[in-house]
C-alpha atoms as a PDB file:
ATOM      1  CA  UNK A   1    -140.235  89.598  47.524  1.00  0.00           C
ATOM      2  CA  UNK A   2    -142.574  91.592  50.271  1.00  0.00           C
ATOM      3  CA  UNK A   3    -140.801  92.178  53.989  1.00  0.00           C
ATOM      4  CA  UNK A   4    -143.440  91.142  56.488  1.00  0.00           C
ATOM      5  CA  UNK A   5    -143.449  92.869  60.046  1.00  0.00           C
ATOM      6  CA  UNK A   6    -142.664  90.375  62.484  1.00  0.00           C
ATOM      7  CA  UNK A   7    -146.028  89.606  63.780  1.00  0.00           C
ATOM      8  CA  UNK A   8    -145.767  91.234  67.641  1.00  0.00           C
ATOM      9  CA  UNK A   9    -144.466  94.123  66.168  1.00  0.00           C
ATOM     10  CA  UNK A  10    -147.194  94.658  63.521  1.00  0.00           C
ATOM     11  CA  UNK A  11    -147.361  97.935  62.559  1.00  0.00           C
ATOM     12  CA  UNK A  12    -145.600  99.861  65.767  1.00  0.00           C
ATOM     13  CA  UNK A  13    -143.670 103.131  64.913  1.00  0.00           C
ATOM     14  CA  UNK A  14    -141.365 104.451  67.349  1.00  0.00           C
ATOM     15  CA  UNK A  15    -139.588 107.126  66.489  1.00  0.00           C
ATOM     16  CA  UNK A  16    -137.306 109.169  69.613  1.00  0.00           C
ATOM     17  CA  UNK A  17    -135.789 112.010  70.433  1.00  0.00           C
ATOM     18  CA  UNK A  18    -132.823 112.249  70.688  1.00  0.00           C
ATOM     19  CA  UNK A  19    -130.787 115.036  72.840  1.00  0.00           C
ATOM     20  CA  UNK A  20    -128.456 115.628  70.690  1.00  0.00           C
ATOM     21  CA  UNK A  21    -129.342 114.748  66.517  1.00  0.00           C
ATOM     22  CA  UNK A  22    -133.875 114.982  66.592  1.00  0.00           C
ATOM     23  CA  UNK A  23    -136.147 113.111  66.621  1.00  0.00           C
ATOM     24  CA  UNK A  24    -134.939 109.584  64.976  1.00  0.00           C
ATOM     25  CA  UNK A  25    -136.881 106.581  63.591  1.00  0.00           C
ATOM     26  CA  UNK A  26    -136.074 103.686  66.674  1.00  0.00           C
ATOM     27  CA  UNK A  27    -134.277 101.484  64.563  1.00  0.00           C
ATOM     28  CA  UNK A  28    -131.103 103.766  64.812  1.00  0.00           C
ATOM     29  CA  UNK A  29    -130.949 102.990  68.356  1.00  0.00           C
ATOM     30  CA  UNK A  30    -129.877 100.004  70.834  1.00  0.00           C
ATOM     31  CA  UNK A  31    -131.553  98.481  73.859  1.00  0.00           C
ATOM     32  CA  UNK A  32    -129.031  98.910  76.517  1.00  0.00           C
ATOM     33  CA  UNK A  33    -131.773  98.098  79.920  1.00  0.00           C
ATOM     34  CA  UNK A  34    -133.296  99.099  82.716  1.00  0.00           C
ATOM     35  CA  UNK A  35    -132.310 102.901  83.588  1.00  0.00           C
ATOM     36  CA  UNK A  36    -134.030 102.086  87.066  1.00  0.00           C
ATOM     37  CA  UNK A  37    -131.544  99.218  87.800  1.00  0.00           C
ATOM     38  CA  UNK A  38    -129.120 100.659  90.669  1.00  0.00           C
ATOM     39  CA  UNK A  39    -125.833  98.995  91.281  1.00  0.00           C
ATOM     40  CA  UNK A  40    -124.453  97.458  94.214  1.00  0.00           C
ATOM     41  CA  UNK A  41    -121.347  99.240  95.403  1.00  0.00           C
ATOM     42  CA  UNK A  42    -118.105  97.397  94.656  1.00  0.00           C
ATOM     43  CA  UNK A  43    -116.909  96.836  98.349  1.00  0.00           C
ATOM     44  CA  UNK A  44    -120.431  95.089  98.784  1.00  0.00           C
ATOM     45  CA  UNK A  45    -119.200  91.300  99.024  1.00  0.00           C
ATOM     46  CA  UNK A  46    -122.668  89.992  98.229  1.00  0.00           C
ATOM     47  CA  UNK A  47    -123.665  87.268  95.429  1.00  0.00           C
ATOM     48  CA  UNK A  48    -126.936  87.820  95.936  1.00  0.00           C
ATOM     49  CA  UNK A  49    -126.548  90.960  95.146  1.00  0.00           C
ATOM     50  CA  UNK A  50    -125.085  91.465  92.346  1.00  0.00           C
ATOM     51  CA  UNK A  51    -126.679  88.466  91.045  1.00  0.00           C
ATOM     52  CA  UNK A  52    -129.905  90.267  91.523  1.00  0.00           C
ATOM     53  CA  UNK A  53    -128.833  93.352  90.211  1.00  0.00           C
ATOM     54  CA  UNK A  54    -127.324  91.697  86.614  1.00  0.00           C
ATOM     55  CA  UNK A  55    -130.407  88.513  85.754  1.00  0.00           C
ATOM     56  CA  UNK A  56    -134.008  90.289  88.080  1.00  0.00           C
ATOM     57  CA  UNK A  57    -135.824  91.746  86.223  1.00  0.00           C
ATOM     58  CA  UNK A  58    -138.964  93.227  85.937  1.00  0.00           C
ATOM     59  CA  UNK A  59    -141.200  93.161  83.358  1.00  0.00           C
ATOM     60  CA  UNK A  60    -143.463  96.183  83.912  1.00  0.00           C
ATOM     61  CA  UNK A  61    -147.066  96.778  82.925  1.00  0.00           C
ATOM     62  CA  UNK A  62    -146.928 100.978  81.813  1.00  0.00           C
ATOM     63  CA  UNK A  63    -144.388 103.751  82.370  1.00  0.00           C
ATOM     64  CA  UNK A  64    -140.425 102.344  82.123  1.00  0.00           C
ATOM     65  CA  UNK A  65    -137.467 104.368  82.110  1.00  0.00           C
ATOM     66  CA  UNK A  66    -135.097 102.987  79.555  1.00  0.00           C
ATOM     67  CA  UNK A  67    -131.492 103.421  78.498  1.00  0.00           C
ATOM     68  CA  UNK A  68    -130.903 103.312  74.855  1.00  0.00           C
ATOM     69  CA  UNK A  69    -127.983 104.368  72.553  1.00  0.00           C
ATOM     70  CA  UNK A  70    -127.995 105.680  69.486  1.00  0.00           C
ATOM     71  CA  UNK A  71    -125.751 103.269  67.590  1.00  0.00           C
ATOM     72  CA  UNK A  72    -126.621 105.396  63.830  1.00  0.00           C
ATOM     73  CA  UNK A  73    -126.222 108.397  65.265  1.00  0.00           C
ATOM     74  CA  UNK A  74    -124.244 110.582  67.598  1.00  0.00           C
ATOM     75  CA  UNK A  75    -123.674 107.915  69.417  1.00  0.00           C
ATOM     76  CA  UNK A  76    -124.475 109.271  72.939  1.00  0.00           C
ATOM     77  CA  UNK A  77    -126.977 107.085  75.289  1.00  0.00           C
ATOM     78  CA  UNK A  78    -130.067 109.069  76.227  1.00  0.00           C
ATOM     79  CA  UNK A  79    -132.607 107.653  79.316  1.00  0.00           C
ATOM     80  CA  UNK A  80    -136.158 107.173  77.466  1.00  0.00           C
ATOM     81  CA  UNK A  81    -139.558 107.115  79.645  1.00  0.00           C
ATOM     82  CA  UNK A  82    -142.380 104.587  77.569  1.00  0.00           C
ATOM     83  CA  UNK A  83    -144.523 102.814  77.875  1.00  0.00           C
ATOM     84  CA  UNK A  84    -144.840  99.508  77.502  1.00  0.00           C
ATOM     85  CA  UNK A  85    -148.638  99.017  76.767  1.00  0.00           C
ATOM     86  CA  UNK A  86    -148.899 101.475  73.850  1.00  0.00           C
ATOM     87  CA  UNK A  87    -144.870 102.052  73.326  1.00  0.00           C
ATOM     88  CA  UNK A  88    -145.634 105.866  74.027  1.00  0.00           C
ATOM     89  CA  UNK A  89    -142.309 107.781  73.972  1.00  0.00           C
ATOM     90  CA  UNK A  90    -143.486 110.419  77.387  1.00  0.00           C
ATOM     91  CA  UNK A  91    -139.942 111.900  77.869  1.00  0.00           C
ATOM     92  CA  UNK A  92    -136.791 111.453  76.061  1.00  0.00           C
ATOM     93  CA  UNK A  93    -133.369 112.818  78.112  1.00  0.00           C
ATOM     94  CA  UNK A  94    -129.186 112.794  77.547  1.00  0.00           C
ATOM     95  CA  UNK A  95    -126.889 111.047  80.141  1.00  0.00           C
ATOM     96  CA  UNK A  96    -123.601 112.028  80.140  1.00  0.00           C
ATOM     97  CA  UNK A  97    -121.432 114.652  81.029  1.00  0.00           C
ATOM     98  CA  UNK A  98    -123.442 116.497  78.766  1.00  0.00           C
ATOM     99  CA  UNK A  99    -126.258 116.472  80.758  1.00  0.00           C
ATOM    100  CA  UNK A 100    -126.599 119.597  82.440  1.00  0.00           C
ATOM    101  CA  UNK A 101    -124.986 121.847  78.609  1.00  0.00           C
ATOM    102  CA  UNK A 102    -128.290 119.935  77.571  1.00  0.00           C
ATOM    103  CA  UNK A 103    -130.508 121.171  80.102  1.00  0.00           C
ATOM    104  CA  UNK A 104    -130.960 117.628  81.605  1.00  0.00           C
ATOM    105  CA  UNK A 105    -131.392 116.346  85.210  1.00  0.00           C
ATOM    106  CA  UNK A 106    -128.950 113.794  85.320  1.00  0.00           C
END
């Protein structure tokens, strides 16, 4: 039986460079959400602010920072800067306590 690619994906081959494991196919990773969203403080009693954080997301056209997890590899998180139109990856940076050791920003 011949496998058919999903029509909306076509022949897109995305490769992410894990800061810990190196370059890998995007299927080893899980998209975890918008990396630019800012969580409101826990002592903020406004349900509208928390609702906006959880449910309201933009669908940008162009460069976007996303949080990805290397689920089939080292299981570490990273922030990926990806063009949502072309799927071109311009940057992958580590997230967490190992960031400074690997030369990351945050």
